[in-house]
Amino acid sequence: MSEATDPVHVIYKLKKTMQNVLDGLVQTLASGGIDNYEEYKYILGKIHAIDLINQELSNLLKPKEPNNDDNITRIRS
């Protein structure tokens, strides 16, 4: 499987891209680049959505169950 189609690689690239977008939005807020309250709410909504997606992507990268064979009793050899 090539690096471009490896799901884990795709998730990491997506997280990096989304982090860059998030940083830009936060910078816009911090620098006072908002003209009105409607735009402020829109950018906050985008930040919230990106944060939720980043959290879900991070959860996908975590192992679901511990792979601890020490606690498993083998019935057959």
PDB file of N, CA and C in Angstrom:
ATOM      1  N   MET A   1       0.856  -1.171   0.000  1.00  0.00           N
ATOM      2  CA  MET A   1       0.000   0.000   0.000  1.00  0.00           C
ATOM      3  C   MET A   1       0.904   1.238   0.000  1.00  0.00           C
ATOM      4  N   SER A   2       0.637   2.143  -0.902  1.00  0.00           N
ATOM      5  CA  SER A   2       1.465   3.339  -0.988  1.00  0.00           C
ATOM      6  C   SER A   2       1.138   4.293   0.151  1.00  0.00           C
ATOM      7  N   GLU A   3       2.056   5.202   0.379  1.00  0.00           N
ATOM      8  CA  GLU A   3       1.889   6.164   1.471  1.00  0.00           C
ATOM      9  C   GLU A   3       0.649   7.028   1.256  1.00  0.00           C
ATOM     10  N   ALA A   4       0.349   7.344   0.008  1.00  0.00           N
ATOM     11  CA  ALA A   4      -0.796   8.206  -0.303  1.00  0.00           C
ATOM     12  C   ALA A   4      -2.128   7.527  -0.002  1.00  0.00           C
ATOM     13  N   THR A   5      -2.171   6.192  -0.033  1.00  0.00           N
ATOM     14  CA  THR A   5      -3.424   5.498   0.229  1.00  0.00           C
ATOM     15  C   THR A   5      -3.473   4.825   1.592  1.00  0.00           C
ATOM     16  N   ASP A   6      -2.409   4.906   2.350  1.00  0.00           N
ATOM     17  CA  ASP A   6      -2.401   4.348   3.695  1.00  0.00           C
ATOM     18  C   ASP A   6      -3.352   5.164   4.570  1.00  0.00           C
ATOM     19  N   PRO A   7      -4.388   4.548   5.137  1.00  0.00           N
ATOM     20  CA  PRO A   7      -5.378   5.302   5.915  1.00  0.00           C
ATOM     21  C   PRO A   7      -4.787   6.099   7.071  1.00  0.00           C
ATOM     22  N   VAL A   8      -3.811   5.545   7.749  1.00  0.00           N
ATOM     23  CA  VAL A   8      -3.207   6.254   8.874  1.00  0.00           C
ATOM     24  C   VAL A   8      -2.480   7.507   8.379  1.00  0.00           C
ATOM     25  N   HIS A   9      -1.775   7.378   7.263  1.00  0.00           N
ATOM     26  CA  HIS A   9      -1.073   8.530   6.689  1.00  0.00           C
ATOM     27  C   HIS A   9      -2.068   9.609   6.264  1.00  0.00           C
ATOM     28  N   VAL A  10      -3.172   9.184   5.672  1.00  0.00           N
ATOM     29  CA  VAL A  10      -4.204  10.132   5.243  1.00  0.00           C
ATOM     30  C   VAL A  10      -4.764  10.878   6.450  1.00  0.00           C
ATOM     31  N   ILE A  11      -5.011  10.165   7.534  1.00  0.00           N
ATOM     32  CA  ILE A  11      -5.539  10.810   8.744  1.00  0.00           C
ATOM     33  C   ILE A  11      -4.543  11.822   9.285  1.00  0.00           C
ATOM     34  N   TYR A  12      -3.264  11.477   9.327  1.00  0.00           N
ATOM     35  CA  TYR A  12      -2.254  12.422   9.821  1.00  0.00           C
ATOM     36  C   TYR A  12      -2.164  13.664   8.932  1.00  0.00           C
ATOM     37  N   LYS A  13      -2.228  13.462   7.612  1.00  0.00           N
ATOM     38  CA  LYS A  13      -2.191  14.615   6.700  1.00  0.00           C
ATOM     39  C   LYS A  13      -3.420  15.495   6.887  1.00  0.00           C
ATOM     40  N   LEU A  14      -4.564  14.875   7.041  1.00  0.00           N
ATOM     41  CA  LEU A  14      -5.799  15.620   7.254  1.00  0.00           C
ATOM     42  C   LEU A  14      -5.748  16.397   8.565  1.00  0.00           C
ATOM     43  N   LYS A  15      -5.250  15.760   9.623  1.00  0.00           N
ATOM     44  CA  LYS A  15      -5.121  16.456  10.907  1.00  0.00           C
ATOM     45  C   LYS A  15      -4.184  17.655  10.794  1.00  0.00           C
ATOM     46  N   LYS A  16      -3.090  17.499  10.062  1.00  0.00           N
ATOM     47  CA  LYS A  16      -2.139  18.597   9.891  1.00  0.00           C
ATOM     48  C   LYS A  16      -2.775  19.752   9.134  1.00  0.00           C
ATOM     49  N   THR A  17      -3.485  19.433   8.051  1.00  0.00           N
ATOM     50  CA  THR A  17      -4.160  20.463   7.263  1.00  0.00           C
ATOM     51  C   THR A  17      -5.211  21.180   8.097  1.00  0.00           C
ATOM     52  N   MET A  18      -5.984  20.419   8.840  1.00  0.00           N
ATOM     53  CA  MET A  18      -7.022  21.026   9.670  1.00  0.00           C
ATOM     54  C   MET A  18      -6.419  21.887  10.780  1.00  0.00           C
ATOM     55  N   GLN A  19      -5.278  21.466  11.315  1.00  0.00           N
ATOM     56  CA  GLN A  19      -4.617  22.273  12.342  1.00  0.00           C
ATOM     57  C   GLN A  19      -4.153  23.606  11.767  1.00  0.00           C
ATOM     58  N   ASN A  20      -3.665  23.587  10.528  1.00  0.00           N
ATOM     59  CA  ASN A  20      -3.249  24.837   9.878  1.00  0.00           C
ATOM     60  C   ASN A  20      -4.437  25.775   9.679  1.00  0.00           C
ATOM     61  N   VAL A  21      -5.576  25.213   9.261  1.00  0.00           N
ATOM     62  CA  VAL A  21      -6.783  26.028   9.096  1.00  0.00           C
ATOM     63  C   VAL A  21      -7.226  26.580  10.440  1.00  0.00           C
ATOM     64  N   LEU A  22      -7.207  25.738  11.463  1.00  0.00           N
ATOM     65  CA  LEU A  22      -7.588  26.166  12.809  1.00  0.00           C
ATOM     66  C   LEU A  22      -6.687  27.288  13.310  1.00  0.00           C
ATOM     67  N   ASP A  23      -5.391  27.148  13.090  1.00  0.00           N
ATOM     68  CA  ASP A  23      -4.447  28.191  13.512  1.00  0.00           C
ATOM     69  C   ASP A  23      -4.744  29.520  12.816  1.00  0.00           C
ATOM     70  N   GLY A  24      -5.094  29.453  11.541  1.00  0.00           N
ATOM     71  CA  GLY A  24      -5.436  30.669  10.805  1.00  0.00           C
ATOM     72  C   GLY A  24      -6.689  31.332  11.347  1.00  0.00           C
ATOM     73  N   LEU A  25      -7.689  30.529  11.678  1.00  0.00           N
ATOM     74  CA  LEU A  25      -8.925  31.078  12.236  1.00  0.00           C
ATOM     75  C   LEU A  25      -8.687  31.711  13.606  1.00  0.00           C
ATOM     76  N   VAL A  26      -7.908  31.042  14.435  1.00  0.00           N
ATOM     77  CA  VAL A  26      -7.585  31.586  15.761  1.00  0.00           C
ATOM     78  C   VAL A  26      -6.797  32.877  15.613  1.00  0.00           C
ATOM     79  N   GLN A  27      -5.875  32.909  14.666  1.00  0.00           N
ATOM     80  CA  GLN A  27      -5.093  34.125  14.427  1.00  0.00           C
ATOM     81  C   GLN A  27      -5.998  35.277  13.989  1.00  0.00           C
ATOM     82  N   THR A  28      -6.988  34.969  13.153  1.00  0.00           N
ATOM     83  CA  THR A  28      -7.947  35.988  12.712  1.00  0.00           C
ATOM     84  C   THR A  28      -8.698  36.556  13.907  1.00  0.00           C
ATOM     85  N   LEU A  29      -9.129  35.681  14.796  1.00  0.00           N
ATOM     86  CA  LEU A  29      -9.828  36.154  16.001  1.00  0.00           C
ATOM     87  C   LEU A  29      -8.907  36.990  16.891  1.00  0.00           C
ATOM     88  N   ALA A  30      -7.694  36.504  17.088  1.00  0.00           N
ATOM     89  CA  ALA A  30      -6.758  37.174  17.997  1.00  0.00           C
ATOM     90  C   ALA A  30      -6.311  38.538  17.471  1.00  0.00           C
ATOM     91  N   SER A  31      -6.252  38.687  16.156  1.00  0.00           N
ATOM     92  CA  SER A  31      -5.764  39.936  15.588  1.00  0.00           C
ATOM     93  C   SER A  31      -6.878  40.966  15.395  1.00  0.00           C
ATOM     94  N   GLY A  32      -8.114  40.576  15.731  1.00  0.00           N
ATOM     95  CA  GLY A  32      -9.216  41.512  15.583  1.00  0.00           C
ATOM     96  C   GLY A  32      -9.677  41.666  14.150  1.00  0.00           C
ATOM     97  N   GLY A  33      -9.494  40.649  13.343  1.00  0.00           N
ATOM     98  CA  GLY A  33      -9.854  40.714  11.936  1.00  0.00           C
ATOM     99  C   GLY A  33     -11.319  40.423  11.667  1.00  0.00           C
ATOM    100  N   ILE A  34     -12.160  40.570  12.671  1.00  0.00           N
ATOM    101  CA  ILE A  34     -13.585  40.304  12.541  1.00  0.00           C
ATOM    102  C   ILE A  34     -14.323  41.631  12.428  1.00  0.00           C
ATOM    103  N   ASP A  35     -15.199  41.731  11.416  1.00  0.00           N
ATOM    104  CA  ASP A  35     -15.919  42.989  11.182  1.00  0.00           C
ATOM    105  C   ASP A  35     -17.228  43.089  11.955  1.00  0.00           C
ATOM    106  N   ASN A  36     -17.878  41.960  12.192  1.00  0.00           N
ATOM    107  CA  ASN A  36     -19.164  42.015  12.875  1.00  0.00           C
ATOM    108  C   ASN A  36     -19.403  40.739  13.676  1.00  0.00           C
ATOM    109  N   TYR A  37     -20.464  40.772  14.449  1.00  0.00           N
ATOM    110  CA  TYR A  37     -20.781  39.650  15.328  1.00  0.00           C
ATOM    111  C   TYR A  37     -21.154  38.398  14.548  1.00  0.00           C
ATOM    112  N   GLU A  38     -21.819  38.561  13.416  1.00  0.00           N
ATOM    113  CA  GLU A  38     -22.204  37.419  12.592  1.00  0.00           C
ATOM    114  C   GLU A  38     -20.969  36.675  12.094  1.00  0.00           C
ATOM    115  N   GLU A  39     -19.974  37.401  11.650  1.00  0.00           N
ATOM    116  CA  GLU A  39     -18.718  36.782  11.194  1.00  0.00           C
ATOM    117  C   GLU A  39     -17.984  36.119  12.361  1.00  0.00           C
ATOM    118  N   TYR A  40     -18.030  36.745  13.518  1.00  0.00           N
ATOM    119  CA  TYR A  40     -17.420  36.185  14.726  1.00  0.00           C
ATOM    120  C   TYR A  40     -18.053  34.829  15.054  1.00  0.00           C
ATOM    121  N   LYS A  41     -19.378  34.777  15.051  1.00  0.00           N
ATOM    122  CA  LYS A  41     -20.077  33.527  15.342  1.00  0.00           C
ATOM    123  C   LYS A  41     -19.765  32.467  14.289  1.00  0.00           C
ATOM    124  N   TYR A  42     -19.663  32.868  13.030  1.00  0.00           N
ATOM    125  CA  TYR A  42     -19.347  31.939  11.948  1.00  0.00           C
ATOM    126  C   TYR A  42     -17.963  31.317  12.158  1.00  0.00           C
ATOM    127  N   ILE A  43     -16.990  32.141  12.481  1.00  0.00           N
ATOM    128  CA  ILE A  43     -15.629  31.637  12.697  1.00  0.00           C
ATOM    129  C   ILE A  43     -15.571  30.754  13.934  1.00  0.00           C
ATOM    130  N   LEU A  44     -16.279  31.122  14.990  1.00  0.00           N
ATOM    131  CA  LEU A  44     -16.324  30.269  16.181  1.00  0.00           C
ATOM    132  C   LEU A  44     -16.939  28.907  15.845  1.00  0.00           C
ATOM    133  N   GLY A  45     -17.963  28.899  14.997  1.00  0.00           N
ATOM    134  CA  GLY A  45     -18.570  27.637  14.578  1.00  0.00           C
ATOM    135  C   GLY A  45     -17.595  26.773  13.798  1.00  0.00           C
ATOM    136  N   LYS A  46     -16.811  27.392  12.925  1.00  0.00           N
ATOM    137  CA  LYS A  46     -15.807  26.647  12.168  1.00  0.00           C
ATOM    138  C   LYS A  46     -14.744  26.076  13.106  1.00  0.00           C
ATOM    139  N   ILE A  47     -14.314  26.882  14.076  1.00  0.00           N
ATOM    140  CA  ILE A  47     -13.315  26.414  15.042  1.00  0.00           C
ATOM    141  C   ILE A  47     -13.867  25.225  15.825  1.00  0.00           C
ATOM    142  N   HIS A  48     -15.104  25.325  16.251  1.00  0.00           N
ATOM    143  CA  HIS A  48     -15.721  24.242  17.016  1.00  0.00           C
ATOM    144  C   HIS A  48     -15.811  22.973  16.166  1.00  0.00           C
ATOM    145  N   ALA A  49     -16.234  23.096  14.908  1.00  0.00           N
ATOM    146  CA  ALA A  49     -16.357  21.937  14.023  1.00  0.00           C
ATOM    147  C   ALA A  49     -15.001  21.283  13.778  1.00  0.00           C
ATOM    148  N   ILE A  50     -13.983  22.088  13.520  1.00  0.00           N
ATOM    149  CA  ILE A  50     -12.642  21.539  13.281  1.00  0.00           C
ATOM    150  C   ILE A  50     -12.132  20.835  14.529  1.00  0.00           C
ATOM    151  N   ASP A  51     -12.399  21.409  15.684  1.00  0.00           N
ATOM    152  CA  ASP A  51     -11.971  20.796  16.942  1.00  0.00           C
ATOM    153  C   ASP A  51     -12.639  19.434  17.141  1.00  0.00           C
ATOM    154  N   LEU A  52     -13.935  19.349  16.862  1.00  0.00           N
ATOM    155  CA  LEU A  52     -14.646  18.075  16.988  1.00  0.00           C
ATOM    156  C   LEU A  52     -14.094  17.033  16.012  1.00  0.00           C
ATOM    157  N   ILE A  53     -13.852  17.429  14.778  1.00  0.00           N
ATOM    158  CA  ILE A  53     -13.324  16.501  13.773  1.00  0.00           C
ATOM    159  C   ILE A  53     -11.920  16.039  14.155  1.00  0.00           C
ATOM    160  N   ASN A  54     -11.093  16.967  14.626  1.00  0.00           N
ATOM    161  CA  ASN A  54      -9.739  16.586  15.064  1.00  0.00           C
ATOM    162  C   ASN A  54      -9.799  15.577  16.201  1.00  0.00           C
ATOM    163  N   GLN A  55     -10.739  15.757  17.122  1.00  0.00           N
ATOM    164  CA  GLN A  55     -10.862  14.818  18.234  1.00  0.00           C
ATOM    165  C   GLN A  55     -11.278  13.441  17.730  1.00  0.00           C
ATOM    166  N   GLU A  56     -12.209  13.401  16.793  1.00  0.00           N
ATOM    167  CA  GLU A  56     -12.641  12.115  16.234  1.00  0.00           C
ATOM    168  C   GLU A  56     -11.508  11.430  15.474  1.00  0.00           C
ATOM    169  N   LEU A  57     -10.724  12.197  14.735  1.00  0.00           N
ATOM    170  CA  LEU A  57      -9.580  11.620  14.023  1.00  0.00           C
ATOM    171  C   LEU A  57      -8.551  11.078  15.008  1.00  0.00           C
ATOM    172  N   SER A  58      -8.321  11.795  16.099  1.00  0.00           N
ATOM    173  CA  SER A  58      -7.398  11.314  17.128  1.00  0.00           C
ATOM    174  C   SER A  58      -7.906  10.017  17.733  1.00  0.00           C
ATOM    175  N   ASN A  59      -9.216   9.941  17.955  1.00  0.00           N
ATOM    176  CA  ASN A  59      -9.793   8.708  18.500  1.00  0.00           C
ATOM    177  C   ASN A  59      -9.611   7.538  17.540  1.00  0.00           C
ATOM    178  N   LEU A  60      -9.657   7.792  16.242  1.00  0.00           N
ATOM    179  CA  LEU A  60      -9.446   6.719  15.268  1.00  0.00           C
ATOM    180  C   LEU A  60      -8.022   6.177  15.324  1.00  0.00           C
ATOM    181  N   LEU A  61      -7.088   7.026  15.708  1.00  0.00           N
ATOM    182  CA  LEU A  61      -5.690   6.609  15.748  1.00  0.00           C
ATOM    183  C   LEU A  61      -5.332   5.853  17.020  1.00  0.00           C
ATOM    184  N   LYS A  62      -6.186   5.945  18.040  1.00  0.00           N
ATOM    185  CA  LYS A  62      -5.928   5.243  19.297  1.00  0.00           C
ATOM    186  C   LYS A  62      -6.380   3.794  19.163  1.00  0.00           C
ATOM    187  N   PRO A  63      -5.614   2.873  19.743  1.00  0.00           N
ATOM    188  CA  PRO A  63      -6.065   1.479  19.716  1.00  0.00           C
ATOM    189  C   PRO A  63      -7.368   1.336  20.505  1.00  0.00           C
ATOM    190  N   LYS A  64      -8.292   0.567  19.970  1.00  0.00           N
ATOM    191  CA  LYS A  64      -9.595   0.407  20.613  1.00  0.00           C
ATOM    192  C   LYS A  64      -9.528  -0.466  21.864  1.00  0.00           C
ATOM    193  N   GLU A  65      -8.813  -1.550  21.779  1.00  0.00           N
ATOM    194  CA  GLU A  65      -8.687  -2.458  22.908  1.00  0.00           C
ATOM    195  C   GLU A  65      -7.210  -2.705  23.158  1.00  0.00           C
ATOM    196  N   PRO A  66      -6.848  -2.779  24.405  1.00  0.00           N
ATOM    197  CA  PRO A  66      -5.439  -3.082  24.675  1.00  0.00           C
ATOM    198  C   PRO A  66      -5.092  -4.474  24.153  1.00  0.00           C
ATOM    199  N   ASN A  67      -3.929  -4.576  23.564  1.00  0.00           N
ATOM    200  CA  ASN A  67      -3.464  -5.853  23.036  1.00  0.00           C
ATOM    201  C   ASN A  67      -2.574  -6.506  24.079  1.00  0.00           C
ATOM    202  N   ASN A  68      -3.199  -6.952  25.153  1.00  0.00           N
ATOM    203  CA  ASN A  68      -2.463  -7.508  26.275  1.00  0.00           C
ATOM    204  C   ASN A  68      -2.765  -8.997  26.361  1.00  0.00           C
ATOM    205  N   ASP A  69      -1.897  -9.808  25.793  1.00  0.00           N
ATOM    206  CA  ASP A  69      -2.107 -11.247  25.776  1.00  0.00           C
ATOM    207  C   ASP A  69      -1.805 -11.906  27.116  1.00  0.00           C
ATOM    208  N   ASP A  70      -1.251 -11.173  28.072  1.00  0.00           N
ATOM    209  CA  ASP A  70      -0.934 -11.751  29.379  1.00  0.00           C
ATOM    210  C   ASP A  70      -2.192 -12.132  30.150  1.00  0.00           C
ATOM    211  N   ASN A  71      -3.299 -11.455  29.889  1.00  0.00           N
ATOM    212  CA  ASN A  71      -4.532 -11.700  30.636  1.00  0.00           C
ATOM    213  C   ASN A  71      -5.446 -12.705  29.943  1.00  0.00           C
ATOM    214  N   ILE A  72      -5.008 -13.268  28.831  1.00  0.00           N
ATOM    215  CA  ILE A  72      -5.824 -14.206  28.076  1.00  0.00           C
ATOM    216  C   ILE A  72      -5.407 -15.624  28.416  1.00  0.00           C
ATOM    217  N   THR A  73      -6.376 -16.435  28.784  1.00  0.00           N
ATOM    218  CA  THR A  73      -6.106 -17.844  29.062  1.00  0.00           C
ATOM    219  C   THR A  73      -6.363 -18.621  27.793  1.00  0.00           C
ATOM    220  N   ARG A  74      -5.358 -19.312  27.317  1.00  0.00           N
ATOM    221  CA  ARG A  74      -5.476 -20.113  26.105  1.00  0.00           C
ATOM    222  C   ARG A  74      -6.130 -21.446  26.436  1.00  0.00           C
ATOM    223  N   ILE A  75      -7.158 -21.803  25.678  1.00  0.00           N
ATOM    224  CA  ILE A  75      -7.839 -23.068  25.900  1.00  0.00           C
ATOM    225  C   ILE A  75      -7.150 -24.176  25.124  1.00  0.00           C
ATOM    226  N   ARG A  76      -6.765 -23.846  23.903  1.00  0.00           N
ATOM    227  CA  ARG A  76      -6.081 -24.833  23.061  1.00  0.00           C
ATOM    228  C   ARG A  76      -4.671 -24.338  22.779  1.00  0.00           C
ATOM    229  N   SER A  77      -3.768 -25.306  22.638  1.00  0.00           N
ATOM    230  CA  SER A  77      -2.382 -24.932  22.341  1.00  0.00           C
ATOM    231  C   SER A  77      -2.123 -24.975  20.872  1.00  0.00           C
TER     232      SER A  77
END
